[in-house]
Amino acid sequence: MYIGRVSGTVVATIKDPSLAARKMLLVDRLTPEGKPDGSYWIAIDTVQAGVGDVVLVLDEGNGARQVLNWENAPIRAVIVGIVDQVTSDQA
C-alpha cells in the first residue's frame, strides 16, 4: 500500500469487460515527504477521487480483487481512500 497523488484519468474504449463502467486514474507514487518518486500506477477508483487528490492505493493484485469482489479481474491497484493528512517524524 502506498500514498499517491492523482495526476490524470485513463480512458480506454476497448478493455476487459470487468473494467466496464469503472473509473481508471493515473496515480503518481509519493515519497514520505510528499514528493513524486517518479513511478506511477493506473488504479481503479472506489472512492470518487479526482485529479489532485492525495490517495491511499492498495497495489497488490489479490487484495485489490478482494476489495472489488472480482476473483478473476485483471486488476493490480485500487484506490481505497482519500488522504486528509499525513504526519511523520521523518516528513
N, C-alpha and C. Protein backbone atom coordinates (compact mmCIF):
# COMPACT_ATOMS: atom_id res chain seq x y z
N MET A 1 0.85 -1.17 0.00
CA MET A 1 0.00 0.00 0.00
C MET A 1 0.90 1.23 0.00
N TYR A 2 0.46 2.27 -0.67
CA TYR A 2 1.25 3.49 -0.70
C TYR A 2 0.34 4.71 -0.83
N ILE A 3 0.95 5.88 -0.64
CA ILE A 3 0.24 7.15 -0.80
C ILE A 3 0.65 7.74 -2.15
N GLY A 4 -0.33 8.25 -2.89
CA GLY A 4 -0.05 8.84 -4.19
C GLY A 4 -0.93 10.04 -4.44
N ARG A 5 -0.65 10.71 -5.54
CA ARG A 5 -1.47 11.87 -5.95
C ARG A 5 -2.03 11.58 -7.34
N VAL A 6 -3.32 11.75 -7.49
CA VAL A 6 -3.97 11.52 -8.78
C VAL A 6 -3.51 12.61 -9.74
N SER A 7 -2.94 12.18 -10.88
CA SER A 7 -2.42 13.15 -11.84
C SER A 7 -3.20 13.15 -13.15
N GLY A 8 -4.13 12.22 -13.31
CA GLY A 8 -4.91 12.20 -14.54
C GLY A 8 -5.89 11.04 -14.60
N THR A 9 -6.62 11.00 -15.67
CA THR A 9 -7.57 9.92 -15.89
C THR A 9 -7.11 9.09 -17.08
N VAL A 10 -7.58 7.86 -17.14
CA VAL A 10 -7.25 6.96 -18.24
C VAL A 10 -8.55 6.54 -18.89
N VAL A 11 -8.63 6.71 -20.21
CA VAL A 11 -9.82 6.32 -20.96
C VAL A 11 -9.43 5.23 -21.94
N ALA A 12 -10.13 4.12 -21.89
CA ALA A 12 -9.90 3.01 -22.82
C ALA A 12 -11.25 2.56 -23.36
N THR A 13 -11.46 2.73 -24.64
CA THR A 13 -12.75 2.35 -25.22
C THR A 13 -12.87 0.84 -25.38
N ILE A 14 -11.74 0.17 -25.53
CA ILE A 14 -11.74 -1.29 -25.62
C ILE A 14 -10.94 -1.81 -24.44
N LYS A 15 -11.60 -2.59 -23.57
CA LYS A 15 -10.95 -3.11 -22.37
C LYS A 15 -11.65 -4.37 -21.91
N ASP A 16 -11.08 -5.04 -20.94
CA ASP A 16 -11.69 -6.23 -20.36
C ASP A 16 -13.08 -5.87 -19.84
N PRO A 17 -14.06 -6.74 -20.04
CA PRO A 17 -15.43 -6.45 -19.59
C PRO A 17 -15.54 -6.15 -18.09
N SER A 18 -14.65 -6.69 -17.28
CA SER A 18 -14.73 -6.44 -15.84
C SER A 18 -14.40 -4.99 -15.50
N LEU A 19 -13.79 -4.26 -16.43
CA LEU A 19 -13.45 -2.86 -16.20
C LEU A 19 -14.51 -1.89 -16.72
N ALA A 20 -15.56 -2.42 -17.33
CA ALA A 20 -16.62 -1.57 -17.86
C ALA A 20 -17.24 -0.76 -16.73
N ALA A 21 -17.47 0.51 -16.99
CA ALA A 21 -18.10 1.43 -16.05
C ALA A 21 -17.26 1.67 -14.80
N ARG A 22 -15.97 1.41 -14.87
CA ARG A 22 -15.06 1.70 -13.75
C ARG A 22 -14.14 2.84 -14.13
N LYS A 23 -13.96 3.78 -13.21
CA LYS A 23 -13.07 4.92 -13.47
C LYS A 23 -11.64 4.49 -13.18
N MET A 24 -10.75 4.74 -14.16
CA MET A 24 -9.34 4.43 -14.00
C MET A 24 -8.58 5.75 -13.89
N LEU A 25 -7.71 5.84 -12.88
CA LEU A 25 -6.96 7.07 -12.63
C LEU A 25 -5.46 6.80 -12.66
N LEU A 26 -4.71 7.77 -13.13
CA LEU A 26 -3.26 7.72 -13.12
C LEU A 26 -2.80 8.30 -11.80
N VAL A 27 -2.02 7.51 -11.04
CA VAL A 27 -1.61 7.92 -9.69
C VAL A 27 -0.09 7.94 -9.60
N ASP A 28 0.48 9.09 -9.25
CA ASP A 28 1.91 9.22 -9.02
C ASP A 28 2.21 8.82 -7.57
N ARG A 29 3.13 7.89 -7.40
CA ARG A 29 3.52 7.47 -6.06
C ARG A 29 4.30 8.60 -5.39
N LEU A 30 4.06 8.80 -4.08
CA LEU A 30 4.72 9.88 -3.33
C LEU A 30 5.71 9.34 -2.31
N THR A 31 6.78 10.11 -2.07
CA THR A 31 7.73 9.79 -1.01
C THR A 31 7.11 10.18 0.33
N PRO A 32 7.73 9.79 1.45
CA PRO A 32 7.20 10.23 2.76
C PRO A 32 7.15 11.75 2.91
N GLU A 33 7.96 12.46 2.13
CA GLU A 33 7.96 13.92 2.17
C GLU A 33 6.87 14.53 1.30
N GLY A 34 6.15 13.68 0.56
CA GLY A 34 5.05 14.17 -0.29
C GLY A 34 5.46 14.54 -1.70
N LYS A 35 6.66 14.15 -2.11
CA LYS A 35 7.15 14.44 -3.46
C LYS A 35 6.98 13.22 -4.35
N PRO A 36 6.67 13.40 -5.63
CA PRO A 36 6.57 12.25 -6.55
C PRO A 36 7.92 11.54 -6.63
N ASP A 37 7.89 10.20 -6.62
CA ASP A 37 9.15 9.44 -6.68
C ASP A 37 9.48 8.97 -8.11
N GLY A 38 8.66 9.38 -9.09
CA GLY A 38 8.93 9.03 -10.47
C GLY A 38 8.20 7.80 -10.97
N SER A 39 7.52 7.09 -10.09
CA SER A 39 6.76 5.92 -10.53
C SER A 39 5.26 6.23 -10.48
N TYR A 40 4.51 5.45 -11.19
CA TYR A 40 3.06 5.66 -11.22
C TYR A 40 2.34 4.33 -11.45
N TRP A 41 1.05 4.32 -11.17
CA TRP A 41 0.17 3.18 -11.41
C TRP A 41 -1.12 3.69 -12.04
N ILE A 42 -1.77 2.82 -12.75
CA ILE A 42 -3.15 3.06 -13.15
C ILE A 42 -3.98 2.28 -12.15
N ALA A 43 -4.86 2.97 -11.44
CA ALA A 43 -5.63 2.34 -10.37
C ALA A 43 -7.12 2.54 -10.60
N ILE A 44 -7.89 1.54 -10.18
CA ILE A 44 -9.34 1.62 -10.22
C ILE A 44 -9.81 2.46 -9.03
N ASP A 45 -10.67 3.43 -9.29
CA ASP A 45 -11.16 4.32 -8.23
C ASP A 45 -12.39 3.73 -7.57
N THR A 46 -12.36 3.64 -6.23
CA THR A 46 -13.54 3.17 -5.48
C THR A 46 -14.08 4.24 -4.54
N VAL A 47 -13.44 5.42 -4.52
CA VAL A 47 -13.80 6.44 -3.53
C VAL A 47 -14.13 7.80 -4.14
N GLN A 48 -14.33 7.85 -5.44
CA GLN A 48 -14.65 9.08 -6.16
C GLN A 48 -13.56 10.13 -6.02
N ALA A 49 -12.31 9.70 -6.17
CA ALA A 49 -11.18 10.61 -6.15
C ALA A 49 -11.12 11.38 -7.46
N GLY A 50 -10.39 12.48 -7.44
CA GLY A 50 -10.23 13.29 -8.64
C GLY A 50 -8.80 13.77 -8.78
N VAL A 51 -8.51 14.39 -9.90
CA VAL A 51 -7.17 14.89 -10.17
C VAL A 51 -6.75 15.86 -9.06
N GLY A 52 -5.56 15.66 -8.53
CA GLY A 52 -5.03 16.49 -7.45
C GLY A 52 -5.21 15.89 -6.06
N ASP A 53 -6.12 14.93 -5.92
CA ASP A 53 -6.34 14.31 -4.60
C ASP A 53 -5.16 13.44 -4.21
N VAL A 54 -4.82 13.47 -2.92
CA VAL A 54 -3.85 12.54 -2.35
C VAL A 54 -4.65 11.32 -1.90
N VAL A 55 -4.20 10.14 -2.35
CA VAL A 55 -5.00 8.94 -2.15
C VAL A 55 -4.16 7.80 -1.57
N LEU A 56 -4.85 6.84 -0.99
CA LEU A 56 -4.24 5.61 -0.47
C LEU A 56 -4.51 4.52 -1.50
N VAL A 57 -3.45 3.88 -1.98
CA VAL A 57 -3.57 2.89 -3.05
C VAL A 57 -3.13 1.52 -2.55
N LEU A 58 -3.99 0.55 -2.74
CA LEU A 58 -3.65 -0.85 -2.48
C LEU A 58 -3.13 -1.39 -3.80
N ASP A 59 -1.84 -1.76 -3.82
CA ASP A 59 -1.21 -2.15 -5.09
C ASP A 59 -0.79 -3.61 -5.11
N GLU A 60 -1.56 -4.45 -4.50
CA GLU A 60 -1.31 -5.89 -4.51
C GLU A 60 -2.52 -6.52 -5.17
N GLY A 61 -2.32 -7.15 -6.30
CA GLY A 61 -3.41 -7.63 -7.15
C GLY A 61 -4.49 -8.43 -6.45
N ASN A 62 -4.10 -9.43 -5.64
CA ASN A 62 -5.11 -10.26 -4.99
C ASN A 62 -5.95 -9.43 -4.02
N GLY A 63 -5.30 -8.57 -3.24
CA GLY A 63 -6.03 -7.70 -2.32
C GLY A 63 -6.95 -6.74 -3.05
N ALA A 64 -6.48 -6.20 -4.18
CA ALA A 64 -7.31 -5.29 -4.98
C ALA A 64 -8.54 -6.01 -5.49
N ARG A 65 -8.37 -7.23 -5.96
CA ARG A 65 -9.53 -8.00 -6.45
C ARG A 65 -10.49 -8.33 -5.31
N GLN A 66 -9.97 -8.57 -4.10
CA GLN A 66 -10.83 -8.83 -2.95
C GLN A 66 -11.64 -7.59 -2.58
N VAL A 67 -11.01 -6.41 -2.63
CA VAL A 67 -11.73 -5.17 -2.32
C VAL A 67 -12.90 -5.00 -3.28
N LEU A 68 -12.68 -5.32 -4.56
CA LEU A 68 -13.71 -5.16 -5.59
C LEU A 68 -14.62 -6.36 -5.73
N ASN A 69 -14.28 -7.44 -5.03
CA ASN A 69 -15.05 -8.69 -5.10
C ASN A 69 -15.10 -9.25 -6.53
N TRP A 70 -13.94 -9.18 -7.23
CA TRP A 70 -13.80 -9.71 -8.58
C TRP A 70 -12.67 -10.72 -8.57
N GLU A 71 -12.98 -11.96 -8.48
CA GLU A 71 -11.97 -13.00 -8.31
C GLU A 71 -10.96 -13.07 -9.46
N ASN A 72 -11.40 -12.88 -10.69
CA ASN A 72 -10.51 -13.07 -11.83
C ASN A 72 -10.28 -11.80 -12.65
N ALA A 73 -10.60 -10.65 -12.10
CA ALA A 73 -10.45 -9.39 -12.86
C ALA A 73 -8.96 -9.06 -13.03
N PRO A 74 -8.58 -8.48 -14.16
CA PRO A 74 -7.18 -8.11 -14.41
C PRO A 74 -6.83 -6.78 -13.75
N ILE A 75 -6.80 -6.78 -12.44
CA ILE A 75 -6.59 -5.55 -11.68
C ILE A 75 -5.42 -5.74 -10.73
N ARG A 76 -4.57 -4.73 -10.66
CA ARG A 76 -3.42 -4.77 -9.75
C ARG A 76 -3.54 -3.72 -8.65
N ALA A 77 -4.09 -2.54 -8.97
CA ALA A 77 -4.12 -1.44 -8.00
C ALA A 77 -5.52 -0.85 -7.90
N VAL A 78 -5.89 -0.49 -6.67
CA VAL A 78 -7.20 0.10 -6.43
C VAL A 78 -7.05 1.23 -5.40
N ILE A 79 -7.73 2.34 -5.64
CA ILE A 79 -7.71 3.47 -4.70
C ILE A 79 -8.75 3.16 -3.63
N VAL A 80 -8.28 3.11 -2.37
CA VAL A 80 -9.17 2.72 -1.28
C VAL A 80 -9.44 3.85 -0.28
N GLY A 81 -8.82 5.01 -0.48
CA GLY A 81 -9.08 6.12 0.44
C GLY A 81 -8.54 7.43 -0.09
N ILE A 82 -9.13 8.52 0.38
CA ILE A 82 -8.63 9.86 0.10
C ILE A 82 -7.98 10.34 1.40
N VAL A 83 -6.72 10.76 1.30
CA VAL A 83 -5.92 11.12 2.48
C VAL A 83 -6.18 12.58 2.83
N ASP A 84 -6.49 12.81 4.10
CA ASP A 84 -6.70 14.17 4.60
C ASP A 84 -5.39 14.76 5.13
N GLN A 85 -4.60 13.92 5.79
CA GLN A 85 -3.38 14.42 6.42
C GLN A 85 -2.41 13.27 6.64
N VAL A 86 -1.12 13.57 6.53
CA VAL A 86 -0.07 12.61 6.84
C VAL A 86 0.88 13.26 7.82
N THR A 87 1.17 12.60 8.93
CA THR A 87 2.15 13.10 9.87
C THR A 87 3.21 12.02 10.08
N SER A 88 4.45 12.46 10.20
CA SER A 88 5.55 11.52 10.38
C SER A 88 6.72 12.24 11.02
N ASP A 89 7.54 11.53 11.77
CA ASP A 89 8.74 12.11 12.34
C ASP A 89 9.77 12.37 11.25
N GLN A 90 9.61 11.68 10.09
CA GLN A 90 10.59 11.80 9.01
C GLN A 90 10.15 12.78 7.94
N ALA A 91 8.90 13.18 7.91
CA ALA A 91 8.42 14.08 6.84
C ALA A 91 8.59 15.53 7.23
